[in-house]
Amino acid sequence: MEHIFKVEGMTCGHCERAVEQALQTVDAQAQVSIDRAIQQVKVVSQSEPAALVAAIQEEGYSVIGG
C-alpha cells in the first residue's frame, strides 16, 4: 500500500536519510521515495500509517496529514 506524507523540516540529504532509515525501522522492506523540494515522502509498505508517522516524528520532523 502506498502512503504519501507531507514532512516539514527536511533540509538536506542527511535529513532524507534519517527519515528513510526511521521508516525502514518500522518496515525493513519499505520502499521510500523522498522529494525534499515539495516536502513529500512516499512509502510503499504494509505497515499502519500511524506507525510510519510516529517513526518520522521520533526523528524530529513534522508530518502534515497522513
N, C-alpha and C. Protein backbone atom coordinates (compact mmCIF):
# COMPACT_ATOMS: atom_id res chain seq x y z
N MET A 1 0.84 -1.17 0.00
CA MET A 1 0.00 0.00 0.00
C MET A 1 0.90 1.24 0.00
N GLU A 2 0.54 2.23 -0.81
CA GLU A 2 1.33 3.46 -0.87
C GLU A 2 0.75 4.51 0.06
N HIS A 3 1.63 5.11 0.83
CA HIS A 3 1.26 6.19 1.75
C HIS A 3 2.05 7.43 1.33
N ILE A 4 1.39 8.58 1.35
CA ILE A 4 2.06 9.83 1.00
C ILE A 4 1.90 10.79 2.17
N PHE A 5 3.04 11.31 2.61
CA PHE A 5 3.05 12.23 3.74
C PHE A 5 3.74 13.53 3.35
N LYS A 6 3.26 14.63 3.91
CA LYS A 6 3.96 15.91 3.79
C LYS A 6 4.79 16.02 5.06
N VAL A 7 6.11 16.12 4.90
CA VAL A 7 7.02 16.14 6.04
C VAL A 7 7.80 17.46 6.03
N GLU A 8 7.62 18.24 7.07
CA GLU A 8 8.31 19.52 7.18
C GLU A 8 9.58 19.37 7.99
N GLY A 9 10.60 20.13 7.60
CA GLY A 9 11.83 20.18 8.37
C GLY A 9 13.01 19.49 7.71
N MET A 10 12.78 18.80 6.59
CA MET A 10 13.90 18.16 5.89
C MET A 10 14.63 19.22 5.08
N THR A 11 15.90 19.44 5.38
CA THR A 11 16.64 20.50 4.71
C THR A 11 17.87 20.00 3.94
N CYS A 12 18.21 18.72 4.09
CA CYS A 12 19.44 18.24 3.46
C CYS A 12 19.36 16.73 3.24
N GLY A 13 20.38 16.20 2.61
CA GLY A 13 20.45 14.77 2.36
C GLY A 13 20.46 13.96 3.64
N HIS A 14 21.11 14.48 4.68
CA HIS A 14 21.13 13.79 5.97
C HIS A 14 19.70 13.62 6.50
N CYS A 15 18.90 14.66 6.35
CA CYS A 15 17.50 14.60 6.80
C CYS A 15 16.75 13.50 6.05
N GLU A 16 16.97 13.44 4.75
CA GLU A 16 16.31 12.42 3.94
C GLU A 16 16.70 11.02 4.40
N ARG A 17 17.99 10.82 4.64
CA ARG A 17 18.46 9.51 5.10
C ARG A 17 17.88 9.16 6.46
N ALA A 18 17.78 10.14 7.35
CA ALA A 18 17.23 9.90 8.68
C ALA A 18 15.77 9.45 8.60
N VAL A 19 15.01 10.11 7.74
CA VAL A 19 13.60 9.75 7.56
C VAL A 19 13.49 8.36 6.95
N GLU A 20 14.29 8.10 5.91
CA GLU A 20 14.25 6.79 5.27
C GLU A 20 14.61 5.67 6.24
N GLN A 21 15.65 5.87 7.02
CA GLN A 21 16.06 4.85 7.99
C GLN A 21 15.02 4.65 9.07
N ALA A 22 14.38 5.73 9.51
CA ALA A 22 13.32 5.61 10.52
C ALA A 22 12.17 4.78 9.98
N LEU A 23 11.79 5.02 8.74
CA LEU A 23 10.69 4.26 8.14
C LEU A 23 11.07 2.80 7.96
N GLN A 24 12.31 2.54 7.60
CA GLN A 24 12.74 1.17 7.41
C GLN A 24 12.95 0.44 8.73
N THR A 25 12.99 1.17 9.82
CA THR A 25 12.99 0.54 11.14
C THR A 25 11.62 -0.07 11.42
N VAL A 26 10.58 0.60 10.95
CA VAL A 26 9.21 0.10 11.11
C VAL A 26 8.97 -1.07 10.15
N ASP A 27 9.44 -0.92 8.91
CA ASP A 27 9.25 -1.94 7.88
C ASP A 27 10.53 -2.01 7.04
N ALA A 28 11.33 -3.03 7.28
CA ALA A 28 12.61 -3.16 6.59
C ALA A 28 12.45 -3.29 5.09
N GLN A 29 11.29 -3.71 4.63
CA GLN A 29 11.03 -3.88 3.20
C GLN A 29 10.40 -2.65 2.56
N ALA A 30 10.19 -1.61 3.33
CA ALA A 30 9.52 -0.41 2.82
C ALA A 30 10.32 0.22 1.69
N GLN A 31 9.61 0.66 0.66
CA GLN A 31 10.21 1.40 -0.43
C GLN A 31 9.90 2.87 -0.19
N VAL A 32 10.95 3.66 -0.02
CA VAL A 32 10.80 5.06 0.36
C VAL A 32 11.30 5.96 -0.76
N SER A 33 10.50 6.95 -1.10
CA SER A 33 10.87 7.95 -2.10
C SER A 33 10.63 9.32 -1.49
N ILE A 34 11.66 10.16 -1.48
CA ILE A 34 11.56 11.46 -0.83
C ILE A 34 11.84 12.57 -1.83
N ASP A 35 10.96 13.57 -1.85
CA ASP A 35 11.17 14.78 -2.65
C ASP A 35 11.21 15.95 -1.67
N ARG A 36 12.43 16.30 -1.28
CA ARG A 36 12.61 17.35 -0.27
C ARG A 36 12.06 18.68 -0.74
N ALA A 37 12.15 18.97 -2.04
CA ALA A 37 11.72 20.27 -2.57
C ALA A 37 10.24 20.53 -2.31
N ILE A 38 9.43 19.48 -2.36
CA ILE A 38 7.99 19.66 -2.10
C ILE A 38 7.58 19.04 -0.77
N GLN A 39 8.57 18.64 0.03
CA GLN A 39 8.35 18.09 1.37
C GLN A 39 7.44 16.87 1.35
N GLN A 40 7.66 16.00 0.37
CA GLN A 40 6.80 14.82 0.22
C GLN A 40 7.58 13.53 0.41
N VAL A 41 6.99 12.63 1.17
CA VAL A 41 7.57 11.30 1.38
C VAL A 41 6.53 10.28 0.95
N LYS A 42 6.93 9.43 0.00
CA LYS A 42 6.07 8.32 -0.44
C LYS A 42 6.66 7.04 0.13
N VAL A 43 5.80 6.23 0.71
CA VAL A 43 6.23 4.97 1.30
C VAL A 43 5.33 3.85 0.80
N VAL A 44 5.93 2.81 0.25
CA VAL A 44 5.19 1.61 -0.10
C VAL A 44 5.48 0.61 1.01
N SER A 45 4.44 0.32 1.81
CA SER A 45 4.62 -0.51 2.99
C SER A 45 3.29 -1.10 3.41
N GLN A 46 3.35 -2.24 4.06
CA GLN A 46 2.14 -2.85 4.61
C GLN A 46 1.89 -2.39 6.05
N SER A 47 2.79 -1.57 6.59
CA SER A 47 2.65 -1.08 7.96
C SER A 47 1.52 -0.07 8.06
N GLU A 48 1.02 0.07 9.27
CA GLU A 48 -0.02 1.05 9.54
C GLU A 48 0.53 2.46 9.36
N PRO A 49 -0.24 3.36 8.75
CA PRO A 49 0.24 4.73 8.57
C PRO A 49 0.65 5.40 9.88
N ALA A 50 -0.08 5.12 10.95
CA ALA A 50 0.24 5.75 12.25
C ALA A 50 1.64 5.37 12.72
N ALA A 51 2.04 4.13 12.47
CA ALA A 51 3.39 3.69 12.87
C ALA A 51 4.45 4.40 12.04
N LEU A 52 4.16 4.61 10.77
CA LEU A 52 5.11 5.31 9.90
C LEU A 52 5.24 6.78 10.31
N VAL A 53 4.11 7.41 10.58
CA VAL A 53 4.12 8.80 11.03
C VAL A 53 4.89 8.94 12.34
N ALA A 54 4.66 8.03 13.27
CA ALA A 54 5.35 8.08 14.56
C ALA A 54 6.86 7.97 14.38
N ALA A 55 7.29 7.12 13.46
CA ALA A 55 8.73 6.96 13.22
C ALA A 55 9.34 8.25 12.69
N ILE A 56 8.64 8.92 11.79
CA ILE A 56 9.13 10.20 11.25
C ILE A 56 9.18 11.24 12.35
N GLN A 57 8.14 11.31 13.15
CA GLN A 57 8.07 12.30 14.23
C GLN A 57 9.14 12.07 15.29
N GLU A 58 9.47 10.81 15.54
CA GLU A 58 10.52 10.49 16.52
C GLU A 58 11.87 11.02 16.07
N GLU A 59 12.05 11.20 14.76
CA GLU A 59 13.28 11.78 14.23
C GLU A 59 13.28 13.30 14.32
N GLY A 60 12.16 13.88 14.73
CA GLY A 60 12.08 15.33 14.93
C GLY A 60 11.45 16.11 13.79
N TYR A 61 10.77 15.43 12.89
CA TYR A 61 10.15 16.10 11.74
C TYR A 61 8.66 16.16 11.94
N SER A 62 8.03 17.20 11.38
CA SER A 62 6.58 17.36 11.46
C SER A 62 5.93 16.69 10.27
N VAL A 63 4.86 15.95 10.53
CA VAL A 63 4.10 15.31 9.47
C VAL A 63 2.74 16.00 9.39
N ILE A 64 2.42 16.52 8.20
CA ILE A 64 1.17 17.20 7.98
C ILE A 64 0.25 16.23 7.23
N GLY A 65 -0.91 15.96 7.77
CA GLY A 65 -1.81 14.99 7.14
C GLY A 65 -1.32 13.57 7.40
N GLY A 66 -1.85 12.64 6.59
CA GLY A 66 -1.43 11.24 6.75
C GLY A 66 -2.09 10.65 7.93
